[in-house]
Amino acid sequence: VSFQSAEITADGDCSDTATLIICNKGTALAVGLNNGTTVGEYKIFVNKGAGDATITPDNFAHTTGTKFVIEQNEGATCVWDGSKWFLVGNQSVTAIS
């Protein structure tokens, strides 16, 4: 299996069509995650950049926060359930706030 990828190097929304989102900025990066379009849709985030990548989903299925942070050389995965993004495989996430 391989996934369509898109690199994001400036603050803004990530690609709606790519599955693998490669964060790559030398300083802190703010990434918006729009609502998904298909139940079961995945977004895989990896951070190659020196700055932390803060991912803010439009609708985040978390009880205590609205965003999550990925350090350099780490990653995390989200899945869309039709109304919210669920964070799965989050051992690399440094903080949820």
PDB file of N, CA and C in Angstrom:
ATOM      1  N   VAL A   1       0.844  -1.174   0.000  1.00  0.00           N
ATOM      2  CA  VAL A   1       0.000   0.000   0.000  1.00  0.00           C
ATOM      3  C   VAL A   1       0.887   1.235   0.000  1.00  0.00           C
ATOM      4  N   SER A   2       0.533   2.207  -0.803  1.00  0.00           N
ATOM      5  CA  SER A   2       1.171   3.513  -0.716  1.00  0.00           C
ATOM      6  C   SER A   2       0.073   4.571  -0.746  1.00  0.00           C
ATOM      7  N   PHE A   3       0.371   5.706  -0.155  1.00  0.00           N
ATOM      8  CA  PHE A   3      -0.616   6.762  -0.023  1.00  0.00           C
ATOM      9  C   PHE A   3      -0.181   7.996  -0.803  1.00  0.00           C
ATOM     10  N   GLN A   4      -1.149   8.731  -1.307  1.00  0.00           N
ATOM     11  CA  GLN A   4      -0.850  10.011  -1.923  1.00  0.00           C
ATOM     12  C   GLN A   4      -0.354  10.937  -0.822  1.00  0.00           C
ATOM     13  N   SER A   5       0.717  11.681  -1.105  1.00  0.00           N
ATOM     14  CA  SER A   5       1.290  12.551  -0.085  1.00  0.00           C
ATOM     15  C   SER A   5       1.273  14.004  -0.527  1.00  0.00           C
ATOM     16  N   ALA A   6       1.368  14.874   0.467  1.00  0.00           N
ATOM     17  CA  ALA A   6       1.476  16.313   0.231  1.00  0.00           C
ATOM     18  C   ALA A   6       2.333  16.890   1.340  1.00  0.00           C
ATOM     19  N   GLU A   7       3.257  17.780   0.958  1.00  0.00           N
ATOM     20  CA  GLU A   7       4.115  18.437   1.937  1.00  0.00           C
ATOM     21  C   GLU A   7       3.535  19.804   2.258  1.00  0.00           C
ATOM     22  N   ILE A   8       3.583  20.176   3.532  1.00  0.00           N
ATOM     23  CA  ILE A   8       3.134  21.500   3.952  1.00  0.00           C
ATOM     24  C   ILE A   8       4.315  22.192   4.638  1.00  0.00           C
ATOM     25  N   THR A   9       4.678  23.377   4.115  1.00  0.00           N
ATOM     26  CA  THR A   9       5.846  24.100   4.600  1.00  0.00           C
ATOM     27  C   THR A   9       5.498  25.472   5.182  1.00  0.00           C
ATOM     28  N   ALA A  10       4.223  25.839   5.115  1.00  0.00           N
ATOM     29  CA  ALA A  10       3.772  27.125   5.655  1.00  0.00           C
ATOM     30  C   ALA A  10       2.461  26.904   6.402  1.00  0.00           C
ATOM     31  N   ASP A  11       2.177  27.746   7.378  1.00  0.00           N
ATOM     32  CA  ASP A  11       0.938  27.631   8.139  1.00  0.00           C
ATOM     33  C   ASP A  11      -0.265  27.618   7.203  1.00  0.00           C
ATOM     34  N   GLY A  12      -1.239  26.749   7.511  1.00  0.00           N
ATOM     35  CA  GLY A  12      -2.461  26.668   6.718  1.00  0.00           C
ATOM     36  C   GLY A  12      -3.060  25.281   6.798  1.00  0.00           C
ATOM     37  N   ASP A  13      -4.106  25.070   6.024  1.00  0.00           N
ATOM     38  CA  ASP A  13      -4.783  23.776   6.005  1.00  0.00           C
ATOM     39  C   ASP A  13      -3.979  22.755   5.211  1.00  0.00           C
ATOM     40  N   CYS A  14      -4.003  21.514   5.677  1.00  0.00           N
ATOM     41  CA  CYS A  14      -3.349  20.443   4.931  1.00  0.00           C
ATOM     42  C   CYS A  14      -4.225  20.031   3.752  1.00  0.00           C
ATOM     43  N   SER A  15      -3.677  19.245   2.862  1.00  0.00           N
ATOM     44  CA  SER A  15      -4.388  18.771   1.679  1.00  0.00           C
ATOM     45  C   SER A  15      -5.617  17.962   2.079  1.00  0.00           C
ATOM     46  N   ASP A  16      -6.732  18.213   1.397  1.00  0.00           N
ATOM     47  CA  ASP A  16      -7.943  17.421   1.619  1.00  0.00           C
ATOM     48  C   ASP A  16      -7.880  16.087   0.888  1.00  0.00           C
ATOM     49  N   THR A  17      -7.038  15.969  -0.132  1.00  0.00           N
ATOM     50  CA  THR A  17      -7.021  14.764  -0.953  1.00  0.00           C
ATOM     51  C   THR A  17      -5.875  13.809  -0.628  1.00  0.00           C
ATOM     52  N   ALA A  18      -4.790  14.295  -0.056  1.00  0.00           N
ATOM     53  CA  ALA A  18      -3.658  13.432   0.279  1.00  0.00           C
ATOM     54  C   ALA A  18      -3.900  12.746   1.626  1.00  0.00           C
ATOM     55  N   THR A  19      -3.383  11.532   1.758  1.00  0.00           N
ATOM     56  CA  THR A  19      -3.472  10.797   3.013  1.00  0.00           C
ATOM     57  C   THR A  19      -2.269  11.076   3.894  1.00  0.00           C
ATOM     58  N   LEU A  20      -1.082  11.073   3.307  1.00  0.00           N
ATOM     59  CA  LEU A  20       0.156  11.317   4.050  1.00  0.00           C
ATOM     60  C   LEU A  20       0.496  12.802   3.978  1.00  0.00           C
ATOM     61  N   ILE A  21       0.519  13.446   5.132  1.00  0.00           N
ATOM     62  CA  ILE A  21       0.824  14.869   5.209  1.00  0.00           C
ATOM     63  C   ILE A  21       2.219  15.002   5.819  1.00  0.00           C
ATOM     64  N   ILE A  22       3.140  15.568   5.053  1.00  0.00           N
ATOM     65  CA  ILE A  22       4.517  15.729   5.489  1.00  0.00           C
ATOM     66  C   ILE A  22       4.704  17.184   5.926  1.00  0.00           C
ATOM     67  N   CYS A  23       4.853  17.381   7.221  1.00  0.00           N
ATOM     68  CA  CYS A  23       5.081  18.711   7.781  1.00  0.00           C
ATOM     69  C   CYS A  23       6.580  18.989   7.698  1.00  0.00           C
ATOM     70  N   ASN A  24       6.945  20.151   7.154  1.00  0.00           N
ATOM     71  CA  ASN A  24       8.366  20.423   6.947  1.00  0.00           C
ATOM     72  C   ASN A  24       8.629  21.931   6.973  1.00  0.00           C
ATOM     73  N   LYS A  25       8.790  22.454   8.179  1.00  0.00           N
ATOM     74  CA  LYS A  25       9.089  23.869   8.359  1.00  0.00           C
ATOM     75  C   LYS A  25      10.173  23.986   9.440  1.00  0.00           C
ATOM     76  N   GLY A  26      11.070  24.918   9.295  1.00  0.00           N
ATOM     77  CA  GLY A  26      12.176  25.073  10.227  1.00  0.00           C
ATOM     78  C   GLY A  26      11.793  25.656  11.570  1.00  0.00           C
ATOM     79  N   THR A  27      10.596  26.223  11.638  1.00  0.00           N
ATOM     80  CA  THR A  27      10.057  26.778  12.879  1.00  0.00           C
ATOM     81  C   THR A  27       8.680  26.167  13.103  1.00  0.00           C
ATOM     82  N   ALA A  28       8.002  26.606  14.146  1.00  0.00           N
ATOM     83  CA  ALA A  28       6.685  26.060  14.463  1.00  0.00           C
ATOM     84  C   ALA A  28       5.742  26.142  13.259  1.00  0.00           C
ATOM     85  N   LEU A  29       4.939  25.097  13.070  1.00  0.00           N
ATOM     86  CA  LEU A  29       4.015  25.002  11.941  1.00  0.00           C
ATOM     87  C   LEU A  29       2.603  24.774  12.466  1.00  0.00           C
ATOM     88  N   ALA A  30       1.650  25.598  12.038  1.00  0.00           N
ATOM     89  CA  ALA A  30       0.243  25.458  12.413  1.00  0.00           C
ATOM     90  C   ALA A  30      -0.508  24.857  11.226  1.00  0.00           C
ATOM     91  N   VAL A  31      -1.102  23.671  11.431  1.00  0.00           N
ATOM     92  CA  VAL A  31      -1.768  22.945  10.352  1.00  0.00           C
ATOM     93  C   VAL A  31      -3.241  22.758  10.692  1.00  0.00           C
ATOM     94  N   GLY A  32      -4.113  23.204   9.800  1.00  0.00           N
ATOM     95  CA  GLY A  32      -5.541  22.978   9.960  1.00  0.00           C
ATOM     96  C   GLY A  32      -5.939  21.682   9.268  1.00  0.00           C
ATOM     97  N   LEU A  33      -6.852  20.951   9.877  1.00  0.00           N
ATOM     98  CA  LEU A  33      -7.366  19.698   9.313  1.00  0.00           C
ATOM     99  C   LEU A  33      -8.864  19.846   9.113  1.00  0.00           C
ATOM    100  N   ASN A  34      -9.279  20.008   7.852  1.00  0.00           N
ATOM    101  CA  ASN A  34     -10.696  20.146   7.531  1.00  0.00           C
ATOM    102  C   ASN A  34     -11.443  18.841   7.800  1.00  0.00           C
ATOM    103  N   ASN A  35     -12.760  18.936   7.913  1.00  0.00           N
ATOM    104  CA  ASN A  35     -13.570  17.730   8.075  1.00  0.00           C
ATOM    105  C   ASN A  35     -13.313  16.762   6.923  1.00  0.00           C
ATOM    106  N   GLY A  36     -13.396  15.475   7.213  1.00  0.00           N
ATOM    107  CA  GLY A  36     -13.236  14.469   6.181  1.00  0.00           C
ATOM    108  C   GLY A  36     -14.447  14.406   5.265  1.00  0.00           C
ATOM    109  N   THR A  37     -14.328  13.616   4.207  1.00  0.00           N
ATOM    110  CA  THR A  37     -15.425  13.476   3.246  1.00  0.00           C
ATOM    111  C   THR A  37     -15.982  12.062   3.197  1.00  0.00           C
ATOM    112  N   THR A  38     -15.230  11.084   3.721  1.00  0.00           N
ATOM    113  CA  THR A  38     -15.629   9.682   3.665  1.00  0.00           C
ATOM    114  C   THR A  38     -15.363   9.021   5.010  1.00  0.00           C
ATOM    115  N   VAL A  39     -16.336   8.296   5.547  1.00  0.00           N
ATOM    116  CA  VAL A  39     -16.124   7.552   6.786  1.00  0.00           C
ATOM    117  C   VAL A  39     -14.960   6.590   6.580  1.00  0.00           C
ATOM    118  N   GLY A  40     -14.020   6.587   7.516  1.00  0.00           N
ATOM    119  CA  GLY A  40     -12.844   5.745   7.416  1.00  0.00           C
ATOM    120  C   GLY A  40     -11.645   6.424   6.773  1.00  0.00           C
ATOM    121  N   GLU A  41     -11.797   7.669   6.375  1.00  0.00           N
ATOM    122  CA  GLU A  41     -10.687   8.419   5.775  1.00  0.00           C
ATOM    123  C   GLU A  41      -9.557   8.580   6.788  1.00  0.00           C
ATOM    124  N   TYR A  42      -8.332   8.365   6.332  1.00  0.00           N
ATOM    125  CA  TYR A  42      -7.147   8.488   7.180  1.00  0.00           C
ATOM    126  C   TYR A  42      -6.325   9.703   6.792  1.00  0.00           C
ATOM    127  N   LYS A  43      -5.698  10.293   7.798  1.00  0.00           N
ATOM    128  CA  LYS A  43      -4.657  11.295   7.617  1.00  0.00           C
ATOM    129  C   LYS A  43      -3.480  10.838   8.467  1.00  0.00           C
ATOM    130  N   ILE A  44      -2.332  10.694   7.825  1.00  0.00           N
ATOM    131  CA  ILE A  44      -1.103  10.321   8.505  1.00  0.00           C
ATOM    132  C   ILE A  44      -0.199  11.541   8.482  1.00  0.00           C
ATOM    133  N   PHE A  45       0.195  12.006   9.649  1.00  0.00           N
ATOM    134  CA  PHE A  45       1.057  13.185   9.766  1.00  0.00           C
ATOM    135  C   PHE A  45       2.450  12.760  10.196  1.00  0.00           C
ATOM    136  N   VAL A  46       3.463  13.251   9.494  1.00  0.00           N
ATOM    137  CA  VAL A  46       4.848  13.098   9.926  1.00  0.00           C
ATOM    138  C   VAL A  46       5.469  14.494   9.932  1.00  0.00           C
ATOM    139  N   ASN A  47       6.395  14.700  10.850  1.00  0.00           N
ATOM    140  CA  ASN A  47       7.021  16.011  10.961  1.00  0.00           C
ATOM    141  C   ASN A  47       8.519  15.892  10.712  1.00  0.00           C
ATOM    142  N   LYS A  48       8.965  16.352   9.536  1.00  0.00           N
ATOM    143  CA  LYS A  48      10.383  16.384   9.176  1.00  0.00           C
ATOM    144  C   LYS A  48      11.035  17.687   9.614  1.00  0.00           C
ATOM    145  N   GLY A  49      10.246  18.712   9.827  1.00  0.00           N
ATOM    146  CA  GLY A  49      10.770  20.043  10.116  1.00  0.00           C
ATOM    147  C   GLY A  49      11.316  20.182  11.522  1.00  0.00           C
ATOM    148  N   ALA A  50      12.156  21.196  11.728  1.00  0.00           N
ATOM    149  CA  ALA A  50      12.779  21.431  13.030  1.00  0.00           C
ATOM    150  C   ALA A  50      11.788  21.954  14.064  1.00  0.00           C
ATOM    151  N   GLY A  51      10.728  22.624  13.619  1.00  0.00           N
ATOM    152  CA  GLY A  51       9.732  23.155  14.550  1.00  0.00           C
ATOM    153  C   GLY A  51       8.620  22.163  14.802  1.00  0.00           C
ATOM    154  N   ASP A  52       7.969  22.286  15.954  1.00  0.00           N
ATOM    155  CA  ASP A  52       6.814  21.441  16.250  1.00  0.00           C
ATOM    156  C   ASP A  52       5.691  21.725  15.259  1.00  0.00           C
ATOM    157  N   ALA A  53       4.936  20.690  14.906  1.00  0.00           N
ATOM    158  CA  ALA A  53       3.752  20.842  14.055  1.00  0.00           C
ATOM    159  C   ALA A  53       2.514  20.716  14.938  1.00  0.00           C
ATOM    160  N   THR A  54       1.706  21.756  14.971  1.00  0.00           N
ATOM    161  CA  THR A  54       0.459  21.738  15.739  1.00  0.00           C
ATOM    162  C   THR A  54      -0.692  21.516  14.771  1.00  0.00           C
ATOM    163  N   ILE A  55      -1.415  20.409  14.957  1.00  0.00           N
ATOM    164  CA  ILE A  55      -2.517  20.025  14.084  1.00  0.00           C
ATOM    165  C   ILE A  55      -3.820  20.370  14.793  1.00  0.00           C
ATOM    166  N   THR A  56      -4.688  21.142  14.123  1.00  0.00           N
ATOM    167  CA  THR A  56      -5.971  21.539  14.695  1.00  0.00           C
ATOM    168  C   THR A  56      -7.103  21.078  13.778  1.00  0.00           C
ATOM    169  N   PRO A  57      -7.750  19.955  14.113  1.00  0.00           N
ATOM    170  CA  PRO A  57      -8.890  19.490  13.312  1.00  0.00           C
ATOM    171  C   PRO A  57     -10.109  20.403  13.495  1.00  0.00           C
ATOM    172  N   ASP A  58     -10.923  20.533  12.444  1.00  0.00           N
ATOM    173  CA  ASP A  58     -12.176  21.283  12.565  1.00  0.00           C
ATOM    174  C   ASP A  58     -13.055  20.670  13.650  1.00  0.00           C
ATOM    175  N   ASN A  59     -13.175  19.353  13.656  1.00  0.00           N
ATOM    176  CA  ASN A  59     -13.955  18.625  14.660  1.00  0.00           C
ATOM    177  C   ASN A  59     -13.096  17.497  15.194  1.00  0.00           C
ATOM    178  N   PHE A  60     -12.656  17.639  16.442  1.00  0.00           N
ATOM    179  CA  PHE A  60     -11.710  16.719  17.063  1.00  0.00           C
ATOM    180  C   PHE A  60     -12.430  15.918  18.141  1.00  0.00           C
ATOM    181  N   ALA A  61     -12.362  14.610  18.064  1.00  0.00           N
ATOM    182  CA  ALA A  61     -13.018  13.734  19.033  1.00  0.00           C
ATOM    183  C   ALA A  61     -12.110  13.525  20.239  1.00  0.00           C
ATOM    184  N   HIS A  62     -11.920  14.567  20.993  1.00  0.00           N
ATOM    185  CA  HIS A  62     -11.130  14.464  22.207  1.00  0.00           C
ATOM    186  C   HIS A  62     -11.827  15.265  23.290  1.00  0.00           C
ATOM    187  N   THR A  63     -11.871  14.724  24.483  1.00  0.00           N
ATOM    188  CA  THR A  63     -12.654  15.356  25.542  1.00  0.00           C
ATOM    189  C   THR A  63     -11.957  16.537  26.209  1.00  0.00           C
ATOM    190  N   THR A  64     -10.616  16.622  26.082  1.00  0.00           N
ATOM    191  CA  THR A  64      -9.921  17.680  26.808  1.00  0.00           C
ATOM    192  C   THR A  64      -9.153  18.647  25.916  1.00  0.00           C
ATOM    193  N   GLY A  65      -9.260  18.510  24.597  1.00  0.00           N
ATOM    194  CA  GLY A  65      -8.481  19.402  23.754  1.00  0.00           C
ATOM    195  C   GLY A  65      -9.040  19.561  22.367  1.00  0.00           C
ATOM    196  N   THR A  66      -8.435  20.499  21.624  1.00  0.00           N
ATOM    197  CA  THR A  66      -8.872  20.793  20.262  1.00  0.00           C
ATOM    198  C   THR A  66      -7.754  20.637  19.246  1.00  0.00           C
ATOM    199  N   LYS A  67      -6.524  20.299  19.713  1.00  0.00           N
ATOM    200  CA  LYS A  67      -5.387  20.182  18.808  1.00  0.00           C
ATOM    201  C   LYS A  67      -4.351  19.242  19.416  1.00  0.00           C
ATOM    202  N   PHE A  68      -3.390  18.811  18.569  1.00  0.00           N
ATOM    203  CA  PHE A  68      -2.294  17.993  19.067  1.00  0.00           C
ATOM    204  C   PHE A  68      -1.000  18.438  18.405  1.00  0.00           C
ATOM    205  N   VAL A  69       0.126  18.148  19.055  1.00  0.00           N
ATOM    206  CA  VAL A  69       1.433  18.629  18.625  1.00  0.00           C
ATOM    207  C   VAL A  69       2.342  17.442  18.328  1.00  0.00           C
ATOM    208  N   ILE A  70       3.072  17.526  17.201  1.00  0.00           N
ATOM    209  CA  ILE A  70       4.019  16.485  16.816  1.00  0.00           C
ATOM    210  C   ILE A  70       5.409  17.103  16.732  1.00  0.00           C
ATOM    211  N   GLU A  71       6.359  16.517  17.440  1.00  0.00           N
ATOM    212  CA  GLU A  71       7.745  16.988  17.394  1.00  0.00           C
ATOM    213  C   GLU A  71       8.423  16.524  16.112  1.00  0.00           C
ATOM    214  N   GLN A  72       9.614  17.061  15.858  1.00  0.00           N
ATOM    215  CA  GLN A  72      10.407  16.663  14.691  1.00  0.00           C
ATOM    216  C   GLN A  72      10.672  15.155  14.723  1.00  0.00           C
ATOM    217  N   ASN A  73      10.593  14.540  13.549  1.00  0.00           N
ATOM    218  CA  ASN A  73      10.853  13.111  13.342  1.00  0.00           C
ATOM    219  C   ASN A  73       9.865  12.208  14.064  1.00  0.00           C
ATOM    220  N   GLU A  74       8.657  12.692  14.285  1.00  0.00           N
ATOM    221  CA  GLU A  74       7.584  11.914  14.900  1.00  0.00           C
ATOM    222  C   GLU A  74       6.373  11.913  13.976  1.00  0.00           C
ATOM    223  N   GLY A  75       5.343  11.170  14.349  1.00  0.00           N
ATOM    224  CA  GLY A  75       4.147  11.093  13.516  1.00  0.00           C
ATOM    225  C   GLY A  75       2.915  10.722  14.313  1.00  0.00           C
ATOM    226  N   ALA A  76       1.755  10.862  13.688  1.00  0.00           N
ATOM    227  CA  ALA A  76       0.474  10.504  14.294  1.00  0.00           C
ATOM    228  C   ALA A  76      -0.537  10.269  13.173  1.00  0.00           C
ATOM    229  N   THR A  77      -1.584   9.539  13.499  1.00  0.00           N
ATOM    230  CA  THR A  77      -2.619   9.195  12.523  1.00  0.00           C
ATOM    231  C   THR A  77      -3.991   9.588  13.059  1.00  0.00           C
ATOM    232  N   CYS A  78      -4.844  10.093  12.168  1.00  0.00           N
ATOM    233  CA  CYS A  78      -6.232  10.407  12.499  1.00  0.00           C
ATOM    234  C   CYS A  78      -7.155   9.648  11.546  1.00  0.00           C
ATOM    235  N   VAL A  79      -8.342   9.294  12.028  1.00  0.00           N
ATOM    236  CA  VAL A  79      -9.355   8.662  11.185  1.00  0.00           C
ATOM    237  C   VAL A  79     -10.676   9.413  11.371  1.00  0.00           C
ATOM    238  N   TRP A  80     -11.404   9.591  10.263  1.00  0.00           N
ATOM    239  CA  TRP A  80     -12.670  10.325  10.226  1.00  0.00           C
ATOM    240  C   TRP A  80     -13.819   9.345  10.406  1.00  0.00           C
ATOM    241  N   ASP A  81     -14.730   9.623  11.349  1.00  0.00           N
ATOM    242  CA  ASP A  81     -15.861   8.720  11.592  1.00  0.00           C
ATOM    243  C   ASP A  81     -17.169   9.214  10.982  1.00  0.00           C
ATOM    244  N   GLY A  82     -17.098  10.273  10.213  1.00  0.00           N
ATOM    245  CA  GLY A  82     -18.295  10.856   9.610  1.00  0.00           C
ATOM    246  C   GLY A  82     -18.691  12.169  10.250  1.00  0.00           C
ATOM    247  N   SER A  83     -18.191  12.418  11.479  1.00  0.00           N
ATOM    248  CA  SER A  83     -18.487  13.692  12.133  1.00  0.00           C
ATOM    249  C   SER A  83     -17.298  14.270  12.897  1.00  0.00           C
ATOM    250  N   LYS A  84     -16.303  13.426  13.244  1.00  0.00           N
ATOM    251  CA  LYS A  84     -15.145  13.904  13.995  1.00  0.00           C
ATOM    252  C   LYS A  84     -13.893  13.137  13.593  1.00  0.00           C
ATOM    253  N   TRP A  85     -12.730  13.778  13.818  1.00  0.00           N
ATOM    254  CA  TRP A  85     -11.439  13.134  13.645  1.00  0.00           C
ATOM    255  C   TRP A  85     -11.011  12.497  14.958  1.00  0.00           C
ATOM    256  N   PHE A  86     -10.660  11.213  14.906  1.00  0.00           N
ATOM    257  CA  PHE A  86     -10.155  10.485  16.067  1.00  0.00           C
ATOM    258  C   PHE A  86      -8.655  10.321  15.924  1.00  0.00           C
ATOM    259  N   LEU A  87      -7.928  10.637  16.971  1.00  0.00           N
ATOM    260  CA  LEU A  87      -6.482  10.460  16.992  1.00  0.00           C
ATOM    261  C   LEU A  87      -6.180   9.015  17.376  1.00  0.00           C
ATOM    262  N   VAL A  88      -5.474   8.301  16.502  1.00  0.00           N
ATOM    263  CA  VAL A  88      -5.077   6.913  16.764  1.00  0.00           C
ATOM    264  C   VAL A  88      -3.571   6.796  16.537  1.00  0.00           C
ATOM    265  N   GLY A  89      -2.934   5.833  17.142  1.00  0.00           N
ATOM    266  CA  GLY A  89      -1.500   5.694  16.963  1.00  0.00           C
ATOM    267  C   GLY A  89      -0.756   6.920  17.418  1.00  0.00           C
ATOM    268  N   ASN A  90      -1.132   7.453  18.590  1.00  0.00           N
ATOM    269  CA  ASN A  90      -0.630   8.752  19.021  1.00  0.00           C
ATOM    270  C   ASN A  90       0.550   8.692  19.969  1.00  0.00           C
ATOM    271  N   GLN A  91       1.358   7.662  19.941  1.00  0.00           N
ATOM    272  CA  GLN A  91       2.483   7.580  20.861  1.00  0.00           C
ATOM    273  C   GLN A  91       3.491   8.699  20.629  1.00  0.00           C
ATOM    274  N   SER A  92       3.480   9.316  19.468  1.00  0.00           N
ATOM    275  CA  SER A  92       4.445  10.387  19.164  1.00  0.00           C
ATOM    276  C   SER A  92       3.937  11.777  19.499  1.00  0.00           C
ATOM    277  N   VAL A  93       2.671  11.919  19.840  1.00  0.00           N
ATOM    278  CA  VAL A  93       2.114  13.236  20.095  1.00  0.00           C
ATOM    279  C   VAL A  93       2.652  13.769  21.413  1.00  0.00           C
ATOM    280  N   THR A  94       3.174  14.979  21.399  1.00  0.00           N
ATOM    281  CA  THR A  94       3.770  15.535  22.611  1.00  0.00           C
ATOM    282  C   THR A  94       2.747  16.144  23.545  1.00  0.00           C
ATOM    283  N   ALA A  95       1.643  16.644  23.004  1.00  0.00           N
ATOM    284  CA  ALA A  95       0.641  17.278  23.860  1.00  0.00           C
ATOM    285  C   ALA A  95      -0.683  17.353  23.133  1.00  0.00           C
ATOM    286  N   ILE A  96      -1.743  17.205  23.901  1.00  0.00           N
ATOM    287  CA  ILE A  96      -3.090  17.472  23.392  1.00  0.00           C
ATOM    288  C   ILE A  96      -3.601  18.622  24.230  1.00  0.00           C
ATOM    289  N   SER A  97      -4.065  19.657  23.545  1.00  0.00           N
ATOM    290  CA  SER A  97      -4.565  20.822  24.304  1.00  0.00           C
ATOM    291  C   SER A  97      -5.747  21.439  23.601  1.00  0.00           C
TER     292      SER A  97
END
